[in-house]
Amino acid sequence: MRRITSITKVDDRTPSTTGAAVRRPHRADARRNFDKLLAAARTAFAEQGSGAPLEDIARTAGVGIGTLYRNFPTRQALFDAVYVGEVEELCRAAQDVAHLSPWEAFSAWLDRFVSYVATKRAISDELNRDSEMFRASRVAMYEAGEPLFTRAQEAGEARRDASFDDVLRMITGIIATGYVSDEQRGRVLRFALDGIRTGKD
């Protein structure tokens, strides 16, 4: 049985900055199937909500339903793994953009945060917010993203009267609103970020 661990660094693919990690199989082929299931579940939940059929998720991943249940014995285990996987991706994204200029790095990380919010909204009701997993995931996300925002502030490119938490709550609220199109949502997000950014050309 695969279990979700809240604080363990599992393998070299898990960034050391994460306070939460998904325990993946050791065998390469089993790990590929695991990751394909996570990717398929993430898409299915975002598009269909938390009630997306597990059979469809397995089919999209190219595996049998038995393989899904071997990795995720319950639907809750799959929800938890998808959520923690999203946090892992946010932590990786922070490392990936660290070489960019301060504002570009933070803005690029926020683009990934938008995807995280969409996935979290889809399964929000299924997550135990009092669990160690959820608390560790939140800490990991803040430890990954906040230094990028602080760096932008120190460079004079982000408002000093705003906190990292302020920005995340603003972005989350914007994503939760309905839009006519993706273009409109992107435009509103740009307006919001313009309110945070200083020293614009």
C-alpha atoms as a PDB file:
ATOM      1  CA  MET A   1       0.000   0.000   0.000  1.00  0.00           C
ATOM      2  CA  ARG A   2       1.339   3.437  -0.938  1.00  0.00           C
ATOM      3  CA  ARG A   3       0.940   6.041   1.743  1.00  0.00           C
ATOM      4  CA  ILE A   4       1.133   9.795   1.730  1.00  0.00           C
ATOM      5  CA  THR A   5       3.715  11.131   4.126  1.00  0.00           C
ATOM      6  CA  SER A   6       3.573  14.670   5.422  1.00  0.00           C
ATOM      7  CA  ILE A   7       7.190  15.421   6.198  1.00  0.00           C
ATOM      8  CA  THR A   8       9.484  12.844   4.625  1.00  0.00           C
ATOM      9  CA  LYS A   9      11.903  13.548   1.805  1.00  0.00           C
ATOM     10  CA  VAL A  10      11.286  10.492  -0.329  1.00  0.00           C
ATOM     11  CA  ASP A  11      13.774  10.539  -3.182  1.00  0.00           C
ATOM     12  CA  ASP A  12      16.037  12.802  -5.183  1.00  0.00           C
ATOM     13  CA  ARG A  13      13.109  14.094  -7.212  1.00  0.00           C
ATOM     14  CA  THR A  14      11.540  15.675  -4.148  1.00  0.00           C
ATOM     15  CA  PRO A  15      12.956  19.146  -3.466  1.00  0.00           C
ATOM     16  CA  SER A  16      14.482  19.545  -0.031  1.00  0.00           C
ATOM     17  CA  THR A  17      12.363  22.679   0.408  1.00  0.00           C
ATOM     18  CA  THR A  18       9.130  20.701   0.559  1.00  0.00           C
ATOM     19  CA  GLY A  19       7.685  20.085   3.969  1.00  0.00           C
ATOM     20  CA  ALA A  20       5.330  17.558   2.405  1.00  0.00           C
ATOM     21  CA  ALA A  21       6.060  14.826  -0.077  1.00  0.00           C
ATOM     22  CA  VAL A  22       4.313  12.103  -2.028  1.00  0.00           C
ATOM     23  CA  ARG A  23       5.771   8.652  -1.418  1.00  0.00           C
ATOM     24  CA  ARG A  24       6.392   7.229  -4.873  1.00  0.00           C
ATOM     25  CA  PRO A  25       7.243   3.632  -5.801  1.00  0.00           C
ATOM     26  CA  HIS A  26      10.944   2.828  -6.119  1.00  0.00           C
ATOM     27  CA  ARG A  27      10.759   0.867  -9.385  1.00  0.00           C
ATOM     28  CA  ALA A  28      11.015   3.089 -12.451  1.00  0.00           C
ATOM     29  CA  ASP A  29       8.035   1.559 -14.292  1.00  0.00           C
ATOM     30  CA  ALA A  30       5.830   1.685 -11.204  1.00  0.00           C
ATOM     31  CA  ARG A  31       6.849   5.295 -10.598  1.00  0.00           C
ATOM     32  CA  ARG A  32       5.935   6.214 -14.179  1.00  0.00           C
ATOM     33  CA  ASN A  33       2.476   4.710 -13.694  1.00  0.00           C
ATOM     34  CA  PHE A  34       2.110   6.534 -10.386  1.00  0.00           C
ATOM     35  CA  ASP A  35       3.006   9.883 -11.936  1.00  0.00           C
ATOM     36  CA  LYS A  36       0.710   9.288 -14.923  1.00  0.00           C
ATOM     37  CA  LEU A  37      -2.153   8.569 -12.531  1.00  0.00           C
ATOM     38  CA  LEU A  38      -1.457  11.765 -10.603  1.00  0.00           C
ATOM     39  CA  ALA A  39      -1.390  13.813 -13.805  1.00  0.00           C
ATOM     40  CA  ALA A  40      -4.620  12.242 -15.071  1.00  0.00           C
ATOM     41  CA  ALA A  41      -6.329  12.769 -11.695  1.00  0.00           C
ATOM     42  CA  ARG A  42      -5.231  16.399 -11.548  1.00  0.00           C
ATOM     43  CA  THR A  43      -6.758  17.075 -14.963  1.00  0.00           C
ATOM     44  CA  ALA A  44      -9.922  15.085 -14.258  1.00  0.00           C
ATOM     45  CA  PHE A  45     -10.603  16.804 -10.942  1.00  0.00           C
ATOM     46  CA  ALA A  46      -9.967  20.248 -12.447  1.00  0.00           C
ATOM     47  CA  GLU A  47     -12.364  19.553 -15.311  1.00  0.00           C
ATOM     48  CA  GLN A  48     -15.037  17.404 -13.628  1.00  0.00           C
ATOM     49  CA  GLY A  49     -14.702  18.088  -9.926  1.00  0.00           C
ATOM     50  CA  SER A  50     -13.915  15.684  -7.121  1.00  0.00           C
ATOM     51  CA  GLY A  51     -16.509  13.189  -8.356  1.00  0.00           C
ATOM     52  CA  ALA A  52     -14.573  12.332 -11.525  1.00  0.00           C
ATOM     53  CA  PRO A  53     -14.818   8.552 -12.128  1.00  0.00           C
ATOM     54  CA  LEU A  54     -11.699   6.675 -11.063  1.00  0.00           C
ATOM     55  CA  GLU A  55     -12.118   4.333 -14.028  1.00  0.00           C
ATOM     56  CA  ASP A  56     -11.766   7.307 -16.385  1.00  0.00           C
ATOM     57  CA  ILE A  57      -8.656   8.479 -14.548  1.00  0.00           C
ATOM     58  CA  ALA A  58      -7.062   5.056 -14.881  1.00  0.00           C
ATOM     59  CA  ARG A  59      -7.995   4.876 -18.566  1.00  0.00           C
ATOM     60  CA  THR A  60      -6.508   8.306 -19.265  1.00  0.00           C
ATOM     61  CA  ALA A  61      -3.313   7.275 -17.477  1.00  0.00           C
ATOM     62  CA  GLY A  62      -3.137   4.150 -19.641  1.00  0.00           C
ATOM     63  CA  VAL A  63      -3.343   1.709 -16.736  1.00  0.00           C
ATOM     64  CA  GLY A  64      -5.926  -0.624 -15.280  1.00  0.00           C
ATOM     65  CA  ILE A  65      -8.174   0.250 -12.348  1.00  0.00           C
ATOM     66  CA  GLY A  66      -6.292  -2.322 -10.277  1.00  0.00           C
ATOM     67  CA  THR A  67      -3.087  -0.328 -10.712  1.00  0.00           C
ATOM     68  CA  LEU A  68      -4.872   2.796  -9.525  1.00  0.00           C
ATOM     69  CA  TYR A  69      -6.122   1.045  -6.384  1.00  0.00           C
ATOM     70  CA  ARG A  70      -2.716  -0.466  -5.653  1.00  0.00           C
ATOM     71  CA  ASN A  71      -1.280   3.039  -5.567  1.00  0.00           C
ATOM     72  CA  PHE A  72      -4.302   4.804  -4.059  1.00  0.00           C
ATOM     73  CA  PRO A  73      -6.427   2.389  -2.025  1.00  0.00           C
ATOM     74  CA  THR A  74      -9.064   5.053  -1.374  1.00  0.00           C
ATOM     75  CA  ARG A  75     -10.324   8.110  -3.189  1.00  0.00           C
ATOM     76  CA  GLN A  76      -9.097  10.181  -0.235  1.00  0.00           C
ATOM     77  CA  ALA A  77      -5.556   8.880  -0.750  1.00  0.00           C
ATOM     78  CA  LEU A  78      -5.744  10.078  -4.344  1.00  0.00           C
ATOM     79  CA  PHE A  79      -7.027  13.518  -3.303  1.00  0.00           C
ATOM     80  CA  ASP A  80      -4.195  13.880  -0.803  1.00  0.00           C
ATOM     81  CA  ALA A  81      -1.570  12.775  -3.301  1.00  0.00           C
ATOM     82  CA  VAL A  82      -2.828  15.184  -5.966  1.00  0.00           C
ATOM     83  CA  TYR A  83      -2.785  18.069  -3.498  1.00  0.00           C
ATOM     84  CA  VAL A  84       0.683  17.319  -2.129  1.00  0.00           C
ATOM     85  CA  GLY A  85       1.925  16.783  -5.687  1.00  0.00           C
ATOM     86  CA  GLU A  86       0.758  20.282  -6.568  1.00  0.00           C
ATOM     87  CA  VAL A  87       2.674  21.698  -3.600  1.00  0.00           C
ATOM     88  CA  GLU A  88       5.777  19.800  -4.699  1.00  0.00           C
ATOM     89  CA  GLU A  89       5.442  21.377  -8.133  1.00  0.00           C
ATOM     90  CA  LEU A  90       5.191  24.835  -6.560  1.00  0.00           C
ATOM     91  CA  CYS A  91       8.402  24.179  -4.650  1.00  0.00           C
ATOM     92  CA  ARG A  92      10.160  22.986  -7.791  1.00  0.00           C
ATOM     93  CA  ALA A  93       8.889  26.026  -9.655  1.00  0.00           C
ATOM     94  CA  ALA A  94      10.473  28.327  -7.061  1.00  0.00           C
ATOM     95  CA  GLN A  95      13.832  26.673  -7.696  1.00  0.00           C
ATOM     96  CA  ASP A  96      13.359  26.762 -11.467  1.00  0.00           C
ATOM     97  CA  VAL A  97      12.726  30.522 -11.621  1.00  0.00           C
ATOM     98  CA  ALA A  98      15.308  31.588  -9.037  1.00  0.00           C
ATOM     99  CA  HIS A  99      17.768  32.655 -11.763  1.00  0.00           C
ATOM    100  CA  LEU A 100      15.348  35.237 -13.194  1.00  0.00           C
ATOM    101  CA  SER A 101      15.238  38.887 -12.199  1.00  0.00           C
ATOM    102  CA  PRO A 102      13.314  39.490  -8.936  1.00  0.00           C
ATOM    103  CA  TRP A 103       9.959  40.506 -10.376  1.00  0.00           C
ATOM    104  CA  GLU A 104      10.108  38.041 -13.275  1.00  0.00           C
ATOM    105  CA  ALA A 105      10.888  35.214 -10.855  1.00  0.00           C
ATOM    106  CA  PHE A 106       7.979  36.031  -8.560  1.00  0.00           C
ATOM    107  CA  SER A 107       5.576  36.584 -11.455  1.00  0.00           C
ATOM    108  CA  ALA A 108       6.573  33.263 -13.030  1.00  0.00           C
ATOM    109  CA  TRP A 109       6.033  31.481  -9.737  1.00  0.00           C
ATOM    110  CA  LEU A 110       2.585  33.064  -9.418  1.00  0.00           C
ATOM    111  CA  ASP A 111       1.683  31.633 -12.830  1.00  0.00           C
ATOM    112  CA  ARG A 112       2.273  28.176 -11.361  1.00  0.00           C
ATOM    113  CA  PHE A 113       0.378  29.167  -8.217  1.00  0.00           C
ATOM    114  CA  VAL A 114      -2.684  29.906 -10.383  1.00  0.00           C
ATOM    115  CA  SER A 115      -2.679  26.272 -11.565  1.00  0.00           C
ATOM    116  CA  TYR A 116      -2.326  25.097  -7.980  1.00  0.00           C
ATOM    117  CA  VAL A 117      -5.360  27.162  -6.938  1.00  0.00           C
ATOM    118  CA  ALA A 118      -7.473  25.668  -9.741  1.00  0.00           C
ATOM    119  CA  THR A 119      -6.624  22.121  -8.641  1.00  0.00           C
ATOM    120  CA  LYS A 120      -7.119  22.901  -4.951  1.00  0.00           C
ATOM    121  CA  ARG A 121     -10.543  24.432  -5.624  1.00  0.00           C
ATOM    122  CA  ALA A 122     -11.637  21.257  -7.406  1.00  0.00           C
ATOM    123  CA  ILE A 123     -10.889  19.044  -4.401  1.00  0.00           C
ATOM    124  CA  SER A 124     -11.102  21.596  -1.587  1.00  0.00           C
ATOM    125  CA  ASP A 125     -14.054  19.958   0.156  1.00  0.00           C
ATOM    126  CA  GLU A 126     -12.202  16.647   0.241  1.00  0.00           C
ATOM    127  CA  LEU A 127      -9.104  17.939   2.056  1.00  0.00           C
ATOM    128  CA  ASN A 128      -8.675  17.752   5.817  1.00  0.00           C
ATOM    129  CA  ARG A 129      -7.404  21.218   6.686  1.00  0.00           C
ATOM    130  CA  ASP A 130      -6.559  20.117  10.209  1.00  0.00           C
ATOM    131  CA  SER A 131      -4.296  17.299   9.058  1.00  0.00           C
ATOM    132  CA  GLU A 132      -0.524  17.270   9.415  1.00  0.00           C
ATOM    133  CA  MET A 133      -0.302  16.819   5.639  1.00  0.00           C
ATOM    134  CA  PHE A 134      -2.246  20.006   4.960  1.00  0.00           C
ATOM    135  CA  ARG A 135      -0.308  22.056   7.514  1.00  0.00           C
ATOM    136  CA  ALA A 136       3.051  20.805   6.241  1.00  0.00           C
ATOM    137  CA  SER A 137       2.017  21.548   2.659  1.00  0.00           C
ATOM    138  CA  ARG A 138       1.115  25.129   3.526  1.00  0.00           C
ATOM    139  CA  VAL A 139       4.444  25.658   5.287  1.00  0.00           C
ATOM    140  CA  ALA A 140       6.317  24.202   2.311  1.00  0.00           C
ATOM    141  CA  MET A 141       4.483  26.452  -0.137  1.00  0.00           C
ATOM    142  CA  TYR A 142       5.241  29.584   1.879  1.00  0.00           C
ATOM    143  CA  GLU A 143       8.892  28.624   2.373  1.00  0.00           C
ATOM    144  CA  ALA A 144       9.234  28.200  -1.390  1.00  0.00           C
ATOM    145  CA  GLY A 145       7.402  31.302  -2.607  1.00  0.00           C
ATOM    146  CA  GLU A 146       7.878  33.943   0.066  1.00  0.00           C
ATOM    147  CA  PRO A 147      11.637  34.427  -0.531  1.00  0.00           C
ATOM    148  CA  LEU A 148      10.832  35.284  -4.167  1.00  0.00           C
ATOM    149  CA  PHE A 149       8.420  37.981  -3.042  1.00  0.00           C
ATOM    150  CA  THR A 150      10.836  39.318  -0.436  1.00  0.00           C
ATOM    151  CA  ARG A 151      13.552  39.495  -3.088  1.00  0.00           C
ATOM    152  CA  ALA A 152      11.231  41.518  -5.358  1.00  0.00           C
ATOM    153  CA  GLN A 153      10.454  43.870  -2.471  1.00  0.00           C
ATOM    154  CA  GLU A 154      14.144  44.330  -1.639  1.00  0.00           C
ATOM    155  CA  ALA A 155      14.820  45.131  -5.295  1.00  0.00           C
ATOM    156  CA  GLY A 156      12.170  47.860  -5.161  1.00  0.00           C
ATOM    157  CA  GLU A 157       9.948  45.968  -7.623  1.00  0.00           C
ATOM    158  CA  ALA A 158       7.115  45.028  -5.258  1.00  0.00           C
ATOM    159  CA  ARG A 159       5.185  47.077  -2.714  1.00  0.00           C
ATOM    160  CA  ARG A 160       6.658  46.914   0.765  1.00  0.00           C
ATOM    161  CA  ASP A 161       3.272  47.456   2.425  1.00  0.00           C
ATOM    162  CA  ALA A 162       1.991  44.144   1.017  1.00  0.00           C
ATOM    163  CA  SER A 163       2.702  40.769   2.561  1.00  0.00           C
ATOM    164  CA  PHE A 164       3.155  37.478   0.742  1.00  0.00           C
ATOM    165  CA  ASP A 165      -0.032  36.242   2.358  1.00  0.00           C
ATOM    166  CA  ASP A 166      -1.873  39.329   1.049  1.00  0.00           C
ATOM    167  CA  VAL A 167      -0.822  38.499  -2.500  1.00  0.00           C
ATOM    168  CA  LEU A 168      -1.768  34.820  -2.298  1.00  0.00           C
ATOM    169  CA  ARG A 169      -5.188  35.632  -0.890  1.00  0.00           C
ATOM    170  CA  MET A 170      -5.759  38.218  -3.625  1.00  0.00           C
ATOM    171  CA  ILE A 171      -4.787  35.770  -6.383  1.00  0.00           C
ATOM    172  CA  THR A 172      -6.900  33.005  -4.848  1.00  0.00           C
ATOM    173  CA  GLY A 173      -9.916  35.308  -4.717  1.00  0.00           C
ATOM    174  CA  ILE A 174      -9.480  36.336  -8.327  1.00  0.00           C
ATOM    175  CA  ILE A 175      -9.255  32.731  -9.510  1.00  0.00           C
ATOM    176  CA  ALA A 176     -12.417  31.836  -7.557  1.00  0.00           C
ATOM    177  CA  THR A 177     -14.453  34.367  -9.548  1.00  0.00           C
ATOM    178  CA  GLY A 178     -16.280  33.355 -12.714  1.00  0.00           C
ATOM    179  CA  TYR A 179     -15.084  34.798 -16.049  1.00  0.00           C
ATOM    180  CA  VAL A 180     -16.351  35.026 -19.576  1.00  0.00           C
ATOM    181  CA  SER A 181     -13.086  33.593 -20.890  1.00  0.00           C
ATOM    182  CA  ASP A 182      -9.551  32.638 -19.919  1.00  0.00           C
ATOM    183  CA  GLU A 183      -8.407  35.840 -21.592  1.00  0.00           C
ATOM    184  CA  GLN A 184     -10.549  37.916 -19.260  1.00  0.00           C
ATOM    185  CA  ARG A 185      -9.213  36.081 -16.220  1.00  0.00           C
ATOM    186  CA  GLY A 186      -5.648  36.656 -17.383  1.00  0.00           C
ATOM    187  CA  ARG A 187      -6.358  40.342 -17.910  1.00  0.00           C
ATOM    188  CA  VAL A 188      -7.797  40.737 -14.398  1.00  0.00           C
ATOM    189  CA  LEU A 189      -4.782  38.942 -12.949  1.00  0.00           C
ATOM    190  CA  ARG A 190      -2.459  41.352 -14.751  1.00  0.00           C
ATOM    191  CA  PHE A 191      -4.397  44.316 -13.343  1.00  0.00           C
ATOM    192  CA  ALA A 192      -4.023  42.890  -9.842  1.00  0.00           C
ATOM    193  CA  LEU A 193      -0.285  42.294 -10.227  1.00  0.00           C
ATOM    194  CA  ASP A 194       0.158  45.820 -11.551  1.00  0.00           C
ATOM    195  CA  GLY A 195      -1.182  46.977  -8.208  1.00  0.00           C
ATOM    196  CA  ILE A 196       1.561  45.055  -6.408  1.00  0.00           C
ATOM    197  CA  ARG A 197       4.432  45.927  -8.701  1.00  0.00           C
ATOM    198  CA  THR A 198       6.447  49.130  -8.333  1.00  0.00           C
ATOM    199  CA  GLY A 199       9.008  50.728 -10.623  1.00  0.00           C
ATOM    200  CA  LYS A 200       7.235  49.588 -13.788  1.00  0.00           C
ATOM    201  CA  ASP A 201       8.507  50.827 -17.144  1.00  0.00           C
END
